[in-house]
Amino acid sequence: GITAPPDGSGTSRATTIGSAAAAFAGVAGNESDVSADPIVRAFVDQRTVGDKPTIDAGHDVTITSTSRAKLFAESSNFTFGLLGASHGQSIALTDIDNDNQAYVATGAEIVAGHDLSVVSVAKHNLAANADAQSGTGVGLTFAYADTSADVDFSNRASVSDGASLKTGNTLSIVSETATKADTYSNVYGNVEGGGDVNAD
């Protein structure tokens, strides 16, 4: 597996390409794994000195925590066995475990002259592509491709017990989550003597 940092587009990306050819049996297997486990916090804590509010603003106050994760995994291979068996396998896996919170802690005091907002935003974008090709002259050919896009998340906007919020207009506590996941598996087998192709 490969773990990759974000590129210039902000996407963590992994790509594997492989091939194998032999007179008798050709065997090749590739796997690309990309994962992200972001922990993001935006919060207001209790004031530790003096008795004034933690935040005292004449206009709007906004506490926002935003977490975005973009992952792309791609795996492809080609195998060929002239007289024997040919077995090609490609696996591409993406996984996000996101922990995002915006909150006002116990004992904190916020005074907003106008609007007061506590907002958490989590956005996930995953893509996994796997392509396996296998061929043989007179033997058995097997091709297998598997993809996965898995998302686990906790996205919360909250106010703890014992916190004090005062607003001159509107109080908003908002949690927003958006997830997009695409998977594509493709297999091709040139079966002369028999065999199996499978995409999952």
N, C-alpha and C. Protein backbone atom coordinates (compact mmCIF):
# COMPACT_ATOMS: atom_id res chain seq x y z
N GLY A 1 0.82 -1.19 0.00
CA GLY A 1 0.00 0.00 0.00
C GLY A 1 0.86 1.25 0.00
N ILE A 2 0.28 2.36 -0.40
CA ILE A 2 0.98 3.63 -0.45
C ILE A 2 0.17 4.67 0.29
N THR A 3 0.82 5.43 1.16
CA THR A 3 0.19 6.55 1.82
C THR A 3 0.83 7.81 1.30
N ALA A 4 0.01 8.75 0.77
CA ALA A 4 0.55 9.91 0.06
C ALA A 4 0.04 11.20 0.69
N PRO A 5 0.92 12.21 0.83
CA PRO A 5 0.46 13.51 1.29
C PRO A 5 -0.30 14.22 0.18
N PRO A 6 -1.09 15.26 0.52
CA PRO A 6 -1.81 15.99 -0.52
C PRO A 6 -0.88 16.60 -1.55
N ASP A 7 -1.31 16.60 -2.82
CA ASP A 7 -0.54 17.28 -3.85
C ASP A 7 -1.00 18.74 -3.92
N GLY A 8 -0.64 19.44 -4.98
CA GLY A 8 -0.99 20.85 -5.08
C GLY A 8 -2.48 21.12 -5.14
N SER A 9 -3.27 20.10 -5.50
CA SER A 9 -4.72 20.27 -5.57
C SER A 9 -5.40 19.99 -4.24
N GLY A 10 -4.61 19.59 -3.23
CA GLY A 10 -5.19 19.24 -1.94
C GLY A 10 -5.68 17.81 -1.86
N THR A 11 -5.33 17.00 -2.84
CA THR A 11 -5.79 15.61 -2.89
C THR A 11 -4.66 14.66 -2.50
N SER A 12 -4.92 13.76 -1.55
CA SER A 12 -3.99 12.68 -1.24
C SER A 12 -4.19 11.59 -2.29
N ARG A 13 -3.10 11.22 -2.97
CA ARG A 13 -3.23 10.39 -4.15
C ARG A 13 -2.19 9.26 -4.13
N ALA A 14 -2.62 8.07 -4.55
CA ALA A 14 -1.69 6.95 -4.69
C ALA A 14 -2.02 6.20 -5.97
N THR A 15 -0.98 5.86 -6.74
CA THR A 15 -1.16 5.14 -8.00
C THR A 15 -0.14 4.01 -8.09
N THR A 16 -0.60 2.81 -8.41
CA THR A 16 0.31 1.69 -8.65
C THR A 16 0.00 1.10 -10.02
N ILE A 17 1.07 0.76 -10.75
CA ILE A 17 0.95 0.15 -12.08
C ILE A 17 1.93 -1.01 -12.14
N GLY A 18 1.46 -2.16 -12.58
CA GLY A 18 2.35 -3.32 -12.65
C GLY A 18 2.00 -4.21 -13.82
N SER A 19 2.96 -5.06 -14.17
CA SER A 19 2.73 -6.03 -15.24
C SER A 19 3.64 -7.23 -15.04
N ALA A 20 3.22 -8.35 -15.62
CA ALA A 20 4.04 -9.56 -15.57
C ALA A 20 3.75 -10.39 -16.81
N ALA A 21 4.80 -10.96 -17.36
CA ALA A 21 4.65 -11.84 -18.52
C ALA A 21 5.64 -13.00 -18.38
N ALA A 22 5.20 -14.19 -18.77
CA ALA A 22 6.08 -15.36 -18.66
C ALA A 22 5.67 -16.38 -19.71
N ALA A 23 6.63 -17.27 -20.04
CA ALA A 23 6.33 -18.30 -21.02
C ALA A 23 5.31 -19.29 -20.49
N PHE A 24 5.34 -19.52 -19.16
CA PHE A 24 4.41 -20.51 -18.60
C PHE A 24 3.32 -19.84 -17.77
N ALA A 25 3.66 -19.18 -16.67
CA ALA A 25 2.64 -18.59 -15.80
C ALA A 25 2.99 -17.14 -15.50
N GLY A 26 2.00 -16.27 -15.60
CA GLY A 26 2.18 -14.87 -15.26
C GLY A 26 1.30 -14.51 -14.08
N VAL A 27 1.90 -13.92 -13.05
CA VAL A 27 1.16 -13.55 -11.84
C VAL A 27 1.57 -12.14 -11.43
N ALA A 28 0.58 -11.26 -11.18
CA ALA A 28 0.87 -9.90 -10.72
C ALA A 28 -0.28 -9.40 -9.89
N GLY A 29 0.05 -8.64 -8.85
CA GLY A 29 -0.98 -8.04 -8.00
C GLY A 29 -0.55 -6.67 -7.53
N ASN A 30 -1.44 -5.71 -7.64
CA ASN A 30 -1.16 -4.34 -7.21
C ASN A 30 -2.20 -3.89 -6.21
N GLU A 31 -1.79 -3.03 -5.28
CA GLU A 31 -2.73 -2.45 -4.33
C GLU A 31 -2.32 -1.02 -4.01
N SER A 32 -3.31 -0.10 -4.03
CA SER A 32 -3.10 1.30 -3.62
C SER A 32 -4.04 1.60 -2.47
N ASP A 33 -3.47 2.09 -1.37
CA ASP A 33 -4.26 2.46 -0.19
C ASP A 33 -4.01 3.92 0.14
N VAL A 34 -5.07 4.70 0.31
CA VAL A 34 -4.94 6.08 0.74
C VAL A 34 -5.88 6.30 1.91
N SER A 35 -5.36 6.87 3.00
CA SER A 35 -6.20 7.11 4.18
C SER A 35 -5.92 8.48 4.76
N ALA A 36 -6.92 9.03 5.43
CA ALA A 36 -6.79 10.31 6.12
C ALA A 36 -7.56 10.24 7.42
N ASP A 37 -6.94 10.76 8.50
CA ASP A 37 -7.55 10.76 9.82
C ASP A 37 -7.45 12.16 10.45
N PRO A 38 -8.14 13.15 9.86
CA PRO A 38 -8.01 14.52 10.39
C PRO A 38 -8.75 14.70 11.72
N ILE A 39 -8.13 15.48 12.60
CA ILE A 39 -8.76 15.92 13.86
C ILE A 39 -8.70 17.44 13.87
N VAL A 40 -9.86 18.08 13.82
CA VAL A 40 -9.93 19.54 13.70
C VAL A 40 -10.82 20.09 14.82
N ARG A 41 -10.36 21.19 15.44
CA ARG A 41 -11.11 21.82 16.53
C ARG A 41 -11.11 23.34 16.37
N ALA A 42 -12.28 23.94 16.65
CA ALA A 42 -12.38 25.39 16.83
C ALA A 42 -13.25 25.59 18.06
N PHE A 43 -12.71 26.29 19.07
CA PHE A 43 -13.47 26.38 20.32
C PHE A 43 -13.11 27.65 21.09
N VAL A 44 -13.98 27.99 21.99
CA VAL A 44 -13.75 29.08 22.94
C VAL A 44 -13.75 28.48 24.33
N ASP A 45 -12.67 28.70 25.09
CA ASP A 45 -12.52 28.11 26.42
C ASP A 45 -12.82 29.15 27.49
N GLN A 46 -12.81 28.69 28.70
CA GLN A 46 -13.06 29.56 29.84
C GLN A 46 -11.93 30.56 30.03
N ARG A 47 -12.29 31.81 30.36
CA ARG A 47 -11.28 32.83 30.64
C ARG A 47 -10.59 32.50 31.96
N THR A 48 -9.27 32.56 31.97
CA THR A 48 -8.53 32.15 33.16
C THR A 48 -8.09 33.33 34.02
N VAL A 49 -8.18 34.55 33.50
CA VAL A 49 -7.75 35.73 34.26
C VAL A 49 -8.86 36.78 34.22
N GLY A 50 -9.23 37.31 35.39
CA GLY A 50 -10.24 38.36 35.44
C GLY A 50 -11.65 37.81 35.36
N ASP A 51 -12.62 38.70 35.46
CA ASP A 51 -14.02 38.29 35.47
C ASP A 51 -14.80 38.81 34.28
N LYS A 52 -14.11 39.28 33.25
CA LYS A 52 -14.78 39.75 32.05
C LYS A 52 -15.14 38.57 31.16
N PRO A 53 -16.07 38.77 30.20
CA PRO A 53 -16.41 37.69 29.27
C PRO A 53 -15.19 37.22 28.48
N THR A 54 -15.20 35.97 28.08
CA THR A 54 -14.12 35.45 27.25
C THR A 54 -14.04 36.23 25.94
N ILE A 55 -15.20 36.47 25.33
CA ILE A 55 -15.31 37.29 24.12
C ILE A 55 -16.43 38.30 24.33
N ASP A 56 -16.13 39.57 24.10
CA ASP A 56 -17.14 40.64 24.20
C ASP A 56 -17.02 41.47 22.93
N ALA A 57 -17.94 41.23 21.97
CA ALA A 57 -17.85 41.87 20.66
C ALA A 57 -19.08 42.72 20.41
N GLY A 58 -18.88 43.86 19.76
CA GLY A 58 -19.99 44.74 19.47
C GLY A 58 -20.84 44.29 18.31
N HIS A 59 -20.33 43.34 17.52
CA HIS A 59 -21.10 42.90 16.35
C HIS A 59 -21.15 41.37 16.31
N ASP A 60 -20.83 40.75 15.18
CA ASP A 60 -20.99 39.30 15.03
C ASP A 60 -19.82 38.54 15.65
N VAL A 61 -20.12 37.33 16.12
CA VAL A 61 -19.10 36.38 16.57
C VAL A 61 -19.39 35.05 15.89
N THR A 62 -18.38 34.48 15.23
CA THR A 62 -18.53 33.19 14.56
C THR A 62 -17.39 32.27 14.94
N ILE A 63 -17.73 31.08 15.39
CA ILE A 63 -16.74 30.04 15.70
C ILE A 63 -16.97 28.92 14.71
N THR A 64 -16.01 28.71 13.80
CA THR A 64 -16.19 27.75 12.71
C THR A 64 -15.03 26.77 12.65
N SER A 65 -15.36 25.49 12.57
CA SER A 65 -14.36 24.45 12.35
C SER A 65 -14.69 23.76 11.03
N THR A 66 -13.72 23.77 10.11
CA THR A 66 -13.93 23.20 8.78
C THR A 66 -12.86 22.14 8.49
N SER A 67 -13.30 20.95 8.11
CA SER A 67 -12.39 19.87 7.77
C SER A 67 -12.76 19.32 6.39
N ARG A 68 -11.79 19.33 5.46
CA ARG A 68 -12.00 18.80 4.11
C ARG A 68 -10.95 17.72 3.83
N ALA A 69 -11.39 16.61 3.27
CA ALA A 69 -10.48 15.53 2.90
C ALA A 69 -10.81 15.04 1.50
N LYS A 70 -9.77 14.98 0.64
CA LYS A 70 -9.93 14.48 -0.74
C LYS A 70 -8.91 13.36 -0.96
N LEU A 71 -9.40 12.18 -1.32
CA LEU A 71 -8.54 11.02 -1.51
C LEU A 71 -8.78 10.39 -2.87
N PHE A 72 -7.68 9.91 -3.49
CA PHE A 72 -7.79 9.21 -4.77
C PHE A 72 -6.79 8.06 -4.78
N ALA A 73 -7.30 6.86 -5.06
CA ALA A 73 -6.44 5.68 -5.18
C ALA A 73 -6.70 5.02 -6.53
N GLU A 74 -5.60 4.62 -7.19
CA GLU A 74 -5.71 3.99 -8.51
C GLU A 74 -4.73 2.83 -8.60
N SER A 75 -5.20 1.71 -9.11
CA SER A 75 -4.35 0.53 -9.26
C SER A 75 -4.66 -0.15 -10.58
N SER A 76 -3.62 -0.52 -11.32
CA SER A 76 -3.84 -1.22 -12.59
C SER A 76 -2.69 -2.18 -12.86
N ASN A 77 -2.99 -3.29 -13.53
CA ASN A 77 -1.92 -4.20 -13.94
C ASN A 77 -2.36 -5.06 -15.11
N PHE A 78 -1.36 -5.63 -15.77
CA PHE A 78 -1.59 -6.55 -16.88
C PHE A 78 -0.68 -7.76 -16.70
N THR A 79 -1.26 -8.94 -16.83
CA THR A 79 -0.47 -10.17 -16.73
C THR A 79 -0.74 -11.05 -17.95
N PHE A 80 0.31 -11.82 -18.30
CA PHE A 80 0.17 -12.73 -19.45
C PHE A 80 1.02 -13.97 -19.24
N GLY A 81 0.39 -15.11 -19.42
CA GLY A 81 1.11 -16.38 -19.39
C GLY A 81 0.88 -17.11 -20.70
N LEU A 82 1.95 -17.40 -21.41
CA LEU A 82 1.80 -17.95 -22.76
C LEU A 82 1.22 -19.37 -22.75
N LEU A 83 1.81 -20.25 -21.92
CA LEU A 83 1.40 -21.65 -21.93
C LEU A 83 0.69 -22.05 -20.64
N GLY A 84 0.90 -21.32 -19.57
CA GLY A 84 0.30 -21.69 -18.29
C GLY A 84 -0.78 -20.71 -17.87
N ALA A 85 -0.98 -20.59 -16.57
CA ALA A 85 -2.03 -19.73 -16.02
C ALA A 85 -1.56 -18.29 -15.94
N SER A 86 -2.53 -17.40 -16.01
CA SER A 86 -2.28 -15.97 -15.85
C SER A 86 -3.25 -15.44 -14.79
N HIS A 87 -2.70 -14.73 -13.80
CA HIS A 87 -3.54 -14.23 -12.69
C HIS A 87 -3.18 -12.77 -12.43
N GLY A 88 -4.14 -11.86 -12.70
CA GLY A 88 -3.93 -10.43 -12.47
C GLY A 88 -4.90 -9.89 -11.44
N GLN A 89 -4.39 -9.06 -10.54
CA GLN A 89 -5.23 -8.52 -9.47
C GLN A 89 -4.90 -7.05 -9.23
N SER A 90 -5.95 -6.21 -9.10
CA SER A 90 -5.78 -4.79 -8.78
C SER A 90 -6.75 -4.42 -7.65
N ILE A 91 -6.21 -3.72 -6.65
CA ILE A 91 -7.03 -3.29 -5.51
C ILE A 91 -6.74 -1.82 -5.24
N ALA A 92 -7.81 -1.02 -5.10
CA ALA A 92 -7.68 0.40 -4.77
C ALA A 92 -8.61 0.72 -3.61
N LEU A 93 -8.04 1.23 -2.52
CA LEU A 93 -8.81 1.46 -1.30
C LEU A 93 -8.63 2.89 -0.80
N THR A 94 -9.73 3.53 -0.41
CA THR A 94 -9.68 4.86 0.20
C THR A 94 -10.45 4.81 1.52
N ASP A 95 -9.93 5.53 2.53
CA ASP A 95 -10.57 5.49 3.85
C ASP A 95 -10.37 6.83 4.57
N ILE A 96 -11.46 7.39 5.07
CA ILE A 96 -11.43 8.64 5.85
C ILE A 96 -12.05 8.39 7.21
N ASP A 97 -11.37 8.84 8.26
CA ASP A 97 -11.91 8.84 9.62
C ASP A 97 -11.76 10.27 10.14
N ASN A 98 -12.82 11.05 10.08
CA ASN A 98 -12.76 12.49 10.32
C ASN A 98 -13.40 12.84 11.66
N ASP A 99 -12.69 13.63 12.46
CA ASP A 99 -13.19 14.10 13.76
C ASP A 99 -13.12 15.62 13.76
N ASN A 100 -14.27 16.25 13.65
CA ASN A 100 -14.35 17.71 13.51
C ASN A 100 -15.34 18.28 14.53
N GLN A 101 -14.90 19.31 15.27
CA GLN A 101 -15.76 19.89 16.30
C GLN A 101 -15.59 21.40 16.37
N ALA A 102 -16.71 22.09 16.53
CA ALA A 102 -16.73 23.51 16.90
C ALA A 102 -17.57 23.60 18.17
N TYR A 103 -17.02 24.23 19.22
CA TYR A 103 -17.78 24.22 20.47
C TYR A 103 -17.39 25.39 21.38
N VAL A 104 -18.27 25.64 22.32
CA VAL A 104 -18.01 26.60 23.40
C VAL A 104 -17.89 25.79 24.68
N ALA A 105 -16.75 25.89 25.34
CA ALA A 105 -16.45 25.03 26.48
C ALA A 105 -17.16 25.52 27.76
N THR A 106 -17.20 24.64 28.74
CA THR A 106 -17.78 24.96 30.04
C THR A 106 -17.07 26.16 30.67
N GLY A 107 -17.85 27.12 31.15
CA GLY A 107 -17.27 28.29 31.81
C GLY A 107 -16.98 29.45 30.88
N ALA A 108 -17.01 29.21 29.58
CA ALA A 108 -16.77 30.31 28.63
C ALA A 108 -17.99 31.22 28.56
N GLU A 109 -17.72 32.52 28.34
CA GLU A 109 -18.79 33.50 28.23
C GLU A 109 -18.57 34.34 26.98
N ILE A 110 -19.58 34.36 26.12
CA ILE A 110 -19.49 35.11 24.87
C ILE A 110 -20.64 36.11 24.81
N VAL A 111 -20.30 37.35 24.51
CA VAL A 111 -21.30 38.40 24.32
C VAL A 111 -21.13 38.93 22.89
N ALA A 112 -22.19 38.80 22.08
CA ALA A 112 -22.17 39.28 20.70
C ALA A 112 -23.24 40.36 20.55
N GLY A 113 -22.82 41.51 20.02
CA GLY A 113 -23.77 42.60 19.84
C GLY A 113 -24.82 42.31 18.79
N HIS A 114 -24.50 41.40 17.86
CA HIS A 114 -25.46 41.06 16.79
C HIS A 114 -25.62 39.55 16.73
N ASP A 115 -25.12 38.89 15.67
CA ASP A 115 -25.31 37.45 15.52
C ASP A 115 -24.17 36.66 16.18
N LEU A 116 -24.52 35.47 16.69
CA LEU A 116 -23.55 34.55 17.28
C LEU A 116 -23.76 33.18 16.64
N SER A 117 -22.67 32.61 16.07
CA SER A 117 -22.77 31.34 15.35
C SER A 117 -21.68 30.38 15.79
N VAL A 118 -22.06 29.10 15.95
CA VAL A 118 -21.11 28.01 16.18
C VAL A 118 -21.35 27.02 15.04
N VAL A 119 -20.32 26.82 14.20
CA VAL A 119 -20.52 26.08 12.95
C VAL A 119 -19.42 25.03 12.77
N SER A 120 -19.83 23.81 12.41
CA SER A 120 -18.86 22.77 12.04
C SER A 120 -19.20 22.29 10.63
N VAL A 121 -18.17 22.18 9.79
CA VAL A 121 -18.35 21.77 8.40
C VAL A 121 -17.35 20.65 8.08
N ALA A 122 -17.85 19.52 7.61
CA ALA A 122 -16.99 18.41 7.21
C ALA A 122 -17.35 18.00 5.78
N LYS A 123 -16.34 17.95 4.90
CA LYS A 123 -16.56 17.58 3.51
C LYS A 123 -15.57 16.48 3.11
N HIS A 124 -16.10 15.45 2.47
CA HIS A 124 -15.30 14.29 2.09
C HIS A 124 -15.49 14.00 0.61
N ASN A 125 -14.38 13.74 -0.07
CA ASN A 125 -14.42 13.40 -1.50
C ASN A 125 -13.46 12.24 -1.74
N LEU A 126 -14.00 11.09 -2.12
CA LEU A 126 -13.18 9.90 -2.31
C LEU A 126 -13.41 9.32 -3.71
N ALA A 127 -12.34 8.79 -4.29
CA ALA A 127 -12.44 8.08 -5.56
C ALA A 127 -11.45 6.93 -5.57
N ALA A 128 -11.89 5.77 -6.07
CA ALA A 128 -11.02 4.60 -6.16
C ALA A 128 -11.26 3.90 -7.50
N ASN A 129 -10.19 3.69 -8.26
CA ASN A 129 -10.27 3.03 -9.57
C ASN A 129 -9.33 1.83 -9.59
N ALA A 130 -9.83 0.70 -10.06
CA ALA A 130 -8.99 -0.51 -10.18
C ALA A 130 -9.24 -1.14 -11.54
N ASP A 131 -8.14 -1.52 -12.20
CA ASP A 131 -8.22 -2.12 -13.52
C ASP A 131 -7.29 -3.34 -13.57
N ALA A 132 -7.83 -4.48 -13.90
CA ALA A 132 -7.03 -5.71 -13.98
C ALA A 132 -7.25 -6.37 -15.33
N GLN A 133 -6.15 -6.70 -16.01
CA GLN A 133 -6.22 -7.38 -17.30
C GLN A 133 -5.34 -8.62 -17.26
N SER A 134 -5.86 -9.69 -17.78
CA SER A 134 -5.13 -10.95 -17.74
C SER A 134 -5.35 -11.70 -19.04
N GLY A 135 -4.27 -12.30 -19.57
CA GLY A 135 -4.39 -13.04 -20.82
C GLY A 135 -3.48 -14.25 -20.84
N THR A 136 -3.84 -15.22 -21.64
CA THR A 136 -3.03 -16.42 -21.76
C THR A 136 -3.18 -17.02 -23.15
N GLY A 137 -2.16 -17.77 -23.55
CA GLY A 137 -2.23 -18.42 -24.85
C GLY A 137 -3.15 -19.62 -24.84
N VAL A 138 -2.85 -20.61 -23.99
CA VAL A 138 -3.66 -21.84 -23.97
C VAL A 138 -4.04 -22.25 -22.56
N GLY A 139 -3.62 -21.51 -21.53
CA GLY A 139 -3.90 -21.92 -20.16
C GLY A 139 -5.14 -21.24 -19.58
N LEU A 140 -5.15 -21.12 -18.27
CA LEU A 140 -6.25 -20.49 -17.54
C LEU A 140 -5.91 -19.04 -17.25
N THR A 141 -6.92 -18.19 -17.30
CA THR A 141 -6.69 -16.78 -16.97
C THR A 141 -7.66 -16.34 -15.90
N PHE A 142 -7.14 -15.56 -14.95
CA PHE A 142 -7.95 -15.04 -13.85
C PHE A 142 -7.66 -13.55 -13.69
N ALA A 143 -8.71 -12.75 -13.54
CA ALA A 143 -8.55 -11.31 -13.32
C ALA A 143 -9.50 -10.87 -12.22
N TYR A 144 -8.98 -10.05 -11.31
CA TYR A 144 -9.80 -9.61 -10.16
C TYR A 144 -9.50 -8.14 -9.87
N ALA A 145 -10.57 -7.35 -9.71
CA ALA A 145 -10.42 -5.93 -9.36
C ALA A 145 -11.36 -5.60 -8.22
N ASP A 146 -10.86 -4.85 -7.23
CA ASP A 146 -11.66 -4.52 -6.06
C ASP A 146 -11.41 -3.06 -5.68
N THR A 147 -12.48 -2.33 -5.37
CA THR A 147 -12.36 -0.94 -4.94
C THR A 147 -13.20 -0.73 -3.69
N SER A 148 -12.78 0.26 -2.89
CA SER A 148 -13.52 0.58 -1.68
C SER A 148 -13.35 2.06 -1.35
N ALA A 149 -14.46 2.70 -0.93
CA ALA A 149 -14.44 4.07 -0.43
C ALA A 149 -15.19 4.08 0.89
N ASP A 150 -14.46 4.24 1.99
CA ASP A 150 -15.05 4.12 3.33
C ASP A 150 -14.91 5.44 4.08
N VAL A 151 -16.01 5.90 4.67
CA VAL A 151 -16.01 7.16 5.41
C VAL A 151 -16.62 6.95 6.79
N ASP A 152 -15.86 7.31 7.82
CA ASP A 152 -16.36 7.39 9.20
C ASP A 152 -16.10 8.80 9.68
N PHE A 153 -17.09 9.40 10.33
CA PHE A 153 -16.88 10.77 10.78
C PHE A 153 -17.70 11.11 12.01
N SER A 154 -17.18 12.10 12.76
CA SER A 154 -17.91 12.75 13.83
C SER A 154 -17.80 14.25 13.57
N ASN A 155 -18.92 14.88 13.34
CA ASN A 155 -18.95 16.31 12.99
C ASN A 155 -19.97 16.99 13.90
N ARG A 156 -19.48 17.85 14.83
CA ARG A 156 -20.38 18.39 15.85
C ARG A 156 -20.16 19.88 16.06
N ALA A 157 -21.26 20.56 16.27
CA ALA A 157 -21.26 21.95 16.75
C ALA A 157 -22.06 21.95 18.03
N SER A 158 -21.46 22.46 19.12
CA SER A 158 -22.13 22.30 20.41
C SER A 158 -21.75 23.41 21.39
N VAL A 159 -22.58 23.52 22.42
CA VAL A 159 -22.33 24.42 23.55
C VAL A 159 -22.37 23.58 24.81
N SER A 160 -21.30 23.60 25.58
CA SER A 160 -21.20 22.77 26.77
C SER A 160 -22.03 23.34 27.91
N ASP A 161 -22.41 22.46 28.84
CA ASP A 161 -23.10 22.91 30.05
C ASP A 161 -22.22 23.90 30.80
N GLY A 162 -22.83 24.96 31.30
CA GLY A 162 -22.07 25.94 32.08
C GLY A 162 -21.49 27.06 31.25
N ALA A 163 -21.67 27.02 29.91
CA ALA A 163 -21.24 28.12 29.06
C ALA A 163 -22.35 29.17 29.00
N SER A 164 -21.94 30.42 28.76
CA SER A 164 -22.90 31.53 28.70
C SER A 164 -22.80 32.22 27.34
N LEU A 165 -23.94 32.28 26.65
CA LEU A 165 -23.99 32.93 25.34
C LEU A 165 -25.05 34.02 25.37
N LYS A 166 -24.65 35.24 24.99
CA LYS A 166 -25.58 36.37 24.92
C LYS A 166 -25.45 37.01 23.54
N THR A 167 -26.58 37.19 22.89
CA THR A 167 -26.56 37.73 21.54
C THR A 167 -27.63 38.79 21.37
N GLY A 168 -27.31 39.83 20.59
CA GLY A 168 -28.27 40.89 20.35
C GLY A 168 -29.26 40.57 19.26
N ASN A 169 -29.00 39.47 18.50
CA ASN A 169 -29.90 39.15 17.41
C ASN A 169 -30.15 37.65 17.32
N THR A 170 -29.34 36.92 16.55
CA THR A 170 -29.61 35.51 16.26
C THR A 170 -28.50 34.61 16.78
N LEU A 171 -28.89 33.51 17.40
CA LEU A 171 -27.95 32.46 17.81
C LEU A 171 -28.13 31.27 16.88
N SER A 172 -27.03 30.82 16.23
CA SER A 172 -27.09 29.68 15.31
C SER A 172 -26.06 28.64 15.72
N ILE A 173 -26.50 27.40 15.79
CA ILE A 173 -25.59 26.27 16.04
C ILE A 173 -25.82 25.30 14.89
N VAL A 174 -24.81 25.18 14.01
CA VAL A 174 -25.00 24.49 12.73
C VAL A 174 -23.92 23.43 12.53
N SER A 175 -24.33 22.25 12.09
CA SER A 175 -23.40 21.19 11.70
C SER A 175 -23.74 20.77 10.27
N GLU A 176 -22.74 20.79 9.38
CA GLU A 176 -22.96 20.50 7.97
C GLU A 176 -21.96 19.45 7.50
N THR A 177 -22.48 18.40 6.86
CA THR A 177 -21.62 17.33 6.35
C THR A 177 -21.98 17.02 4.90
N ALA A 178 -20.96 16.85 4.05
CA ALA A 178 -21.18 16.46 2.66
C ALA A 178 -20.15 15.39 2.29
N THR A 179 -20.63 14.33 1.65
CA THR A 179 -19.74 13.23 1.26
C THR A 179 -20.02 12.82 -0.19
N LYS A 180 -18.94 12.67 -0.97
CA LYS A 180 -19.04 12.17 -2.33
C LYS A 180 -18.04 11.03 -2.48
N ALA A 181 -18.50 9.89 -2.96
CA ALA A 181 -17.63 8.73 -3.12
C ALA A 181 -17.90 8.07 -4.46
N ASP A 182 -16.83 7.81 -5.22
CA ASP A 182 -16.94 7.14 -6.52
C ASP A 182 -15.97 5.96 -6.56
N THR A 183 -16.45 4.81 -6.99
CA THR A 183 -15.58 3.64 -7.18
C THR A 183 -15.81 3.06 -8.57
N TYR A 184 -14.73 2.57 -9.17
CA TYR A 184 -14.81 1.97 -10.51
C TYR A 184 -13.87 0.77 -10.57
N SER A 185 -14.43 -0.38 -10.92
CA SER A 185 -13.64 -1.60 -11.07
C SER A 185 -13.83 -2.14 -12.49
N ASN A 186 -12.71 -2.50 -13.13
CA ASN A 186 -12.78 -3.02 -14.49
C ASN A 186 -11.85 -4.22 -14.63
N VAL A 187 -12.36 -5.28 -15.23
CA VAL A 187 -11.53 -6.46 -15.48
C VAL A 187 -11.68 -6.89 -16.93
N TYR A 188 -10.59 -7.44 -17.45
CA TYR A 188 -10.62 -7.99 -18.81
C TYR A 188 -9.79 -9.26 -18.82
N GLY A 189 -10.38 -10.31 -19.31
CA GLY A 189 -9.65 -11.57 -19.40
C GLY A 189 -9.74 -12.16 -20.79
N ASN A 190 -8.57 -12.47 -21.36
CA ASN A 190 -8.50 -13.16 -22.64
C ASN A 190 -8.45 -14.65 -22.35
N VAL A 191 -9.62 -15.28 -22.33
CA VAL A 191 -9.73 -16.66 -21.86
C VAL A 191 -9.72 -17.62 -23.05
N GLU A 192 -8.58 -18.31 -23.22
CA GLU A 192 -8.50 -19.34 -24.27
C GLU A 192 -8.78 -20.72 -23.70
N GLY A 193 -8.20 -21.00 -22.53
CA GLY A 193 -8.38 -22.33 -21.97
C GLY A 193 -9.35 -22.38 -20.81
N GLY A 194 -9.96 -21.26 -20.45
CA GLY A 194 -10.88 -21.22 -19.31
C GLY A 194 -10.35 -20.26 -18.25
N GLY A 195 -11.15 -20.01 -17.23
CA GLY A 195 -10.72 -19.14 -16.15
C GLY A 195 -11.87 -18.31 -15.63
N ASP A 196 -11.54 -17.17 -15.01
CA ASP A 196 -12.57 -16.39 -14.33
C ASP A 196 -12.13 -14.92 -14.28
N VAL A 197 -13.11 -14.01 -14.45
CA VAL A 197 -12.86 -12.60 -14.25
C VAL A 197 -13.90 -12.09 -13.27
N ASN A 198 -13.47 -11.17 -12.36
CA ASN A 198 -14.37 -10.69 -11.31
C ASN A 198 -14.05 -9.27 -10.93
N ALA A 199 -15.09 -8.44 -10.86
CA ALA A 199 -14.95 -7.06 -10.40
C ALA A 199 -15.86 -6.86 -9.22
N ASP A 200 -15.33 -6.22 -8.17
CA ASP A 200 -16.09 -6.02 -6.94
C ASP A 200 -16.11 -4.53 -6.59
